C-alpha atoms as a PDB file:
ATOM      1  CA  UNK A   1     104.468  53.480  87.496  1.00  0.00           C
ATOM      2  CA  UNK A   2     104.773  55.859  84.557  1.00  0.00           C
ATOM      3  CA  UNK A   3     100.991  56.212  84.299  1.00  0.00           C
ATOM      4  CA  UNK A   4     100.697  57.165  87.973  1.00  0.00           C
ATOM      5  CA  UNK A   5     103.337  59.880  87.530  1.00  0.00           C
ATOM      6  CA  UNK A   6     101.582  61.270  84.478  1.00  0.00           C
ATOM      7  CA  UNK A   7      98.258  61.318  86.339  1.00  0.00           C
ATOM      8  CA  UNK A   8      99.818  63.136  89.287  1.00  0.00           C
ATOM      9  CA  UNK A   9     101.379  65.740  86.989  1.00  0.00           C
ATOM     10  CA  UNK A  10      98.041  66.316  85.289  1.00  0.00           C
ATOM     11  CA  UNK A  11      96.353  66.814  88.667  1.00  0.00           C
ATOM     12  CA  UNK A  12      98.892  69.405  89.857  1.00  0.00           C
ATOM     13  CA  UNK A  13      97.436  72.457  88.068  1.00  0.00           C
ATOM     14  CA  UNK A  14      93.969  71.829  89.518  1.00  0.00           C
ATOM     15  CA  UNK A  15      95.486  71.267  92.953  1.00  0.00           C
ATOM     16  CA  UNK A  16      97.363  74.575  92.736  1.00  0.00           C
ATOM     17  CA  UNK A  17      94.181  76.245  91.480  1.00  0.00           C
ATOM     18  CA  UNK A  18      92.157  74.917  94.426  1.00  0.00           C
ATOM     19  CA  UNK A  19      94.848  76.116  96.851  1.00  0.00           C
ATOM     20  CA  UNK A  20      94.675  79.558  95.282  1.00  0.00           C
ATOM     21  CA  UNK A  21      90.887  79.530  95.662  1.00  0.00           C
ATOM     22  CA  UNK A  22      91.159  78.554  99.334  1.00  0.00           C
ATOM     23  CA  UNK A  23      93.724  81.301  99.886  1.00  0.00           C
ATOM     24  CA  UNK A  24      91.489  83.869  98.172  1.00  0.00           C
ATOM     25  CA  UNK A  25      88.524  82.761 100.281  1.00  0.00           C
ATOM     26  CA  UNK A  26      90.565  83.046 103.472  1.00  0.00           C
ATOM     27  CA  UNK A  27      91.932  86.439 102.489  1.00  0.00           C
ATOM     28  CA  UNK A  28      88.457  87.760 101.709  1.00  0.00           C
ATOM     29  CA  UNK A  29      87.111  86.484 105.037  1.00  0.00           C
ATOM     30  CA  UNK A  30      89.954  88.026 107.039  1.00  0.00           C
ATOM     31  CA  UNK A  31      89.698  91.294 105.094  1.00  0.00           C
ATOM     32  CA  UNK A  32      85.939  91.477 105.772  1.00  0.00           C
ATOM     33  CA  UNK A  33      86.448  90.633 109.445  1.00  0.00           C
ATOM     34  CA  UNK A  34      89.110  93.288 109.977  1.00  0.00           C
ATOM     35  CA  UNK A  35      87.051  95.801 107.995  1.00  0.00           C
ATOM     36  CA  UNK A  36      84.062  95.568 110.325  1.00  0.00           C
ATOM     37  CA  UNK A  37      85.864  95.115 113.671  1.00  0.00           C
ATOM     38  CA  UNK A  38      88.004  97.865 115.160  1.00  0.00           C
ATOM     39  CA  UNK A  39      90.451  97.413 118.012  1.00  0.00           C
ATOM     40  CA  UNK A  40      90.848  94.097 119.780  1.00  0.00           C
ATOM     41  CA  UNK A  41      89.194  91.021 118.355  1.00  0.00           C
ATOM     42  CA  UNK A  42      86.710  89.257 120.592  1.00  0.00           C
ATOM     43  CA  UNK A  43      86.527  85.502 120.981  1.00  0.00           C
ATOM     44  CA  UNK A  44      83.139  85.506 119.268  1.00  0.00           C
ATOM     45  CA  UNK A  45      84.664  87.064 116.161  1.00  0.00           C
ATOM     46  CA  UNK A  46      87.468  84.499 116.125  1.00  0.00           C
ATOM     47  CA  UNK A  47      84.950  81.661 116.588  1.00  0.00           C
ATOM     48  CA  UNK A  48      82.959  83.001 113.630  1.00  0.00           C
ATOM     49  CA  UNK A  49      86.104  83.091 111.483  1.00  0.00           C
ATOM     50  CA  UNK A  50      86.991  79.541 112.575  1.00  0.00           C
ATOM     51  CA  UNK A  51      83.562  78.264 111.534  1.00  0.00           C
ATOM     52  CA  UNK A  52      83.601  80.120 108.210  1.00  0.00           C
ATOM     53  CA  UNK A  53      87.004  78.842 107.176  1.00  0.00           C
ATOM     54  CA  UNK A  54      87.158  75.521 109.019  1.00  0.00           C
ATOM     55  CA  UNK A  55      90.506  76.262 110.685  1.00  0.00           C
ATOM     56  CA  UNK A  56      91.786  76.094 114.244  1.00  0.00           C
ATOM     57  CA  UNK A  57      91.885  79.119 116.529  1.00  0.00           C
ATOM     58  CA  UNK A  58      95.699  79.261 116.291  1.00  0.00           C
ATOM     59  CA  UNK A  59      95.511  79.249 112.493  1.00  0.00           C
ATOM     60  CA  UNK A  60      92.884  81.990 112.543  1.00  0.00           C
ATOM     61  CA  UNK A  61      95.091  84.205 114.716  1.00  0.00           C
ATOM     62  CA  UNK A  62      98.105  83.383 112.529  1.00  0.00           C
ATOM     63  CA  UNK A  63      96.217  84.383 109.378  1.00  0.00           C
ATOM     64  CA  UNK A  64      95.123  87.662 110.972  1.00  0.00           C
ATOM     65  CA  UNK A  65      98.679  88.415 112.088  1.00  0.00           C
ATOM     66  CA  UNK A  66     100.051  87.647 108.621  1.00  0.00           C
ATOM     67  CA  UNK A  67      97.345  89.740 106.970  1.00  0.00           C
ATOM     68  CA  UNK A  68      98.068  92.714 109.225  1.00  0.00           C
ATOM     69  CA  UNK A  69     101.794  92.512 108.551  1.00  0.00           C
ATOM     70  CA  UNK A  70     101.859  92.007 104.775  1.00  0.00           C
ATOM     71  CA  UNK A  71      98.291  92.406 103.534  1.00  0.00           C
ATOM     72  CA  UNK A  72      97.871  88.812 102.396  1.00  0.00           C
ATOM     73  CA  UNK A  73      96.873  85.552 104.004  1.00  0.00           C
ATOM     74  CA  UNK A  74      99.480  82.902 103.368  1.00  0.00           C
ATOM     75  CA  UNK A  75      98.711  79.295 104.114  1.00  0.00           C
ATOM     76  CA  UNK A  76     100.735  78.165 107.144  1.00  0.00           C
ATOM     77  CA  UNK A  77     102.362  75.378 105.116  1.00  0.00           C
ATOM     78  CA  UNK A  78     103.889  77.864 102.662  1.00  0.00           C
ATOM     79  CA  UNK A  79     105.619  79.981 105.285  1.00  0.00           C
ATOM     80  CA  UNK A  80     109.335  79.401 105.703  1.00  0.00           C
ATOM     81  CA  UNK A  81     110.275  77.227 108.650  1.00  0.00           C
ATOM     82  CA  UNK A  82     113.303  77.694 110.871  1.00  0.00           C
ATOM     83  CA  UNK A  83     115.622  80.564 111.565  1.00  0.00           C
ATOM     84  CA  UNK A  84     115.819  83.492 109.190  1.00  0.00           C
ATOM     85  CA  UNK A  85     118.761  83.388 106.826  1.00  0.00           C
ATOM     86  CA  UNK A  86     121.830  85.029 108.328  1.00  0.00           C
ATOM     87  CA  UNK A  87     120.636  84.780 111.934  1.00  0.00           C
ATOM     88  CA  UNK A  88     123.446  84.503 114.494  1.00  0.00           C
ATOM     89  CA  UNK A  89     122.793  82.427 117.611  1.00  0.00           C
ATOM     90  CA  UNK A  90     126.230  81.909 119.152  1.00  0.00           C
ATOM     91  CA  UNK A  91     127.050  83.690 122.372  1.00  0.00           C
ATOM     92  CA  UNK A  92     129.405  86.692 122.038  1.00  0.00           C
ATOM     93  CA  UNK A  93     132.269  84.869 123.760  1.00  0.00           C
ATOM     94  CA  UNK A  94     132.359  82.087 121.163  1.00  0.00           C
ATOM     95  CA  UNK A  95     131.900  84.616 118.339  1.00  0.00           C
ATOM     96  CA  UNK A  96     134.971  86.428 119.679  1.00  0.00           C
ATOM     97  CA  UNK A  97     136.977  83.182 119.914  1.00  0.00           C
ATOM     98  CA  UNK A  98     136.132  82.322 116.308  1.00  0.00           C
ATOM     99  CA  UNK A  99     137.014  85.803 115.034  1.00  0.00           C
ATOM    100  CA  UNK A 100     140.249  85.849 117.022  1.00  0.00           C
ATOM    101  CA  UNK A 101     141.295  82.395 115.767  1.00  0.00           C
ATOM    102  CA  UNK A 102     140.578  83.374 112.181  1.00  0.00           C
ATOM    103  CA  UNK A 103     142.581  86.572 112.589  1.00  0.00           C
ATOM    104  CA  UNK A 104     145.587  85.133 114.435  1.00  0.00           C
ATOM    105  CA  UNK A 105     145.701  81.498 113.311  1.00  0.00           C
ATOM    106  CA  UNK A 106     144.243  81.401 109.795  1.00  0.00           C
ATOM    107  CA  UNK A 107     145.012  84.751 108.152  1.00  0.00           C
ATOM    108  CA  UNK A 108     148.733  84.170 107.675  1.00  0.00           C
ATOM    109  CA  UNK A 109     150.803  84.059 104.488  1.00  0.00           C
ATOM    110  CA  UNK A 110     150.923  80.243 104.716  1.00  0.00           C
ATOM    111  CA  UNK A 111     147.368  79.412 105.629  1.00  0.00           C
ATOM    112  CA  UNK A 112     146.656  76.193 107.498  1.00  0.00           C
ATOM    113  CA  UNK A 113     143.980  73.774 106.338  1.00  0.00           C
ATOM    114  CA  UNK A 114     140.406  74.626 107.188  1.00  0.00           C
ATOM    115  CA  UNK A 115     140.165  71.498 109.343  1.00  0.00           C
ATOM    116  CA  UNK A 116     143.134  72.757 111.382  1.00  0.00           C
ATOM    117  CA  UNK A 117     141.303  76.040 111.953  1.00  0.00           C
ATOM    118  CA  UNK A 118     138.248  74.139 113.188  1.00  0.00           C
ATOM    119  CA  UNK A 119     140.443  72.086 115.535  1.00  0.00           C
ATOM    120  CA  UNK A 120     142.163  75.237 116.835  1.00  0.00           C
ATOM    121  CA  UNK A 121     138.816  76.882 117.558  1.00  0.00           C
ATOM    122  CA  UNK A 122     137.616  73.720 119.307  1.00  0.00           C
ATOM    123  CA  UNK A 123     140.791  73.697 121.419  1.00  0.00           C
ATOM    124  CA  UNK A 124     140.302  77.346 122.399  1.00  0.00           C
ATOM    125  CA  UNK A 125     136.666  76.684 123.277  1.00  0.00           C
ATOM    126  CA  UNK A 126     137.624  73.713 125.459  1.00  0.00           C
ATOM    127  CA  UNK A 127     140.153  75.892 127.299  1.00  0.00           C
ATOM    128  CA  UNK A 128     137.335  78.327 128.079  1.00  0.00           C
ATOM    129  CA  UNK A 129     134.993  75.426 128.949  1.00  0.00           C
ATOM    130  CA  UNK A 130     132.647  76.313 126.092  1.00  0.00           C
ATOM    131  CA  UNK A 131     131.078  73.914 123.589  1.00  0.00           C
ATOM    132  CA  UNK A 132     132.885  74.129 120.233  1.00  0.00           C
ATOM    133  CA  UNK A 133     130.921  75.476 117.282  1.00  0.00           C
ATOM    134  CA  UNK A 134     129.961  73.313 114.339  1.00  0.00           C
ATOM    135  CA  UNK A 135     132.337  73.397 111.383  1.00  0.00           C
ATOM    136  CA  UNK A 136     129.593  74.970 109.250  1.00  0.00           C
ATOM    137  CA  UNK A 137     129.467  77.891 111.680  1.00  0.00           C
ATOM    138  CA  UNK A 138     133.222  78.347 111.385  1.00  0.00           C
ATOM    139  CA  UNK A 139     132.953  78.150 107.601  1.00  0.00           C
ATOM    140  CA  UNK A 140     130.237  80.833 107.564  1.00  0.00           C
ATOM    141  CA  UNK A 141     132.275  83.174 109.801  1.00  0.00           C
ATOM    142  CA  UNK A 142     135.395  82.604 107.700  1.00  0.00           C
ATOM    143  CA  UNK A 143     133.419  83.343 104.547  1.00  0.00           C
ATOM    144  CA  UNK A 144     132.180  86.598 106.112  1.00  0.00           C
ATOM    145  CA  UNK A 145     135.731  87.663 107.063  1.00  0.00           C
ATOM    146  CA  UNK A 146     137.138  86.839 103.625  1.00  0.00           C
ATOM    147  CA  UNK A 147     134.279  88.708 101.928  1.00  0.00           C
ATOM    148  CA  UNK A 148     134.913  91.768 104.109  1.00  0.00           C
ATOM    149  CA  UNK A 149     138.609  91.647 103.207  1.00  0.00           C
ATOM    150  CA  UNK A 150     137.828  91.441  99.493  1.00  0.00           C
ATOM    151  CA  UNK A 151     135.419  94.364  99.722  1.00  0.00           C
ATOM    152  CA  UNK A 152     137.984  96.429 101.638  1.00  0.00           C
ATOM    153  CA  UNK A 153     140.564  95.893  98.865  1.00  0.00           C
ATOM    154  CA  UNK A 154     138.204  97.245  96.186  1.00  0.00           C
END
């Protein structure tokens, strides 16, 4: 088992090096393609890029889009997956219920437990026939409110 781990660790630098070479090849191909074609890209041009790089049509378009936006071709597997950090997806009504519960229920001299705040928000959401937010959402909103209060005191 130890020998296999050591072998894998030794292979990592060459693997990273080959990935860098593939990325450089892709970037050069996309740069050359965009340098000689102006305006919209035709399907023939995309097919040529697919054959040169051995990627799917979707990947070719994705590489072109990434190159146009940041000037580099990033392998699709290295791009972040999921929502951007700090993205808010709750509807405004539930956001208001959370903010109101934090303000009226939680921000008192004798603060209730966090779990009680979550239960209070869930109760208010049920009254409005809305699905209650996850406790992590409540925690994030509470953190934002407390941070704003600390910054206002400074």
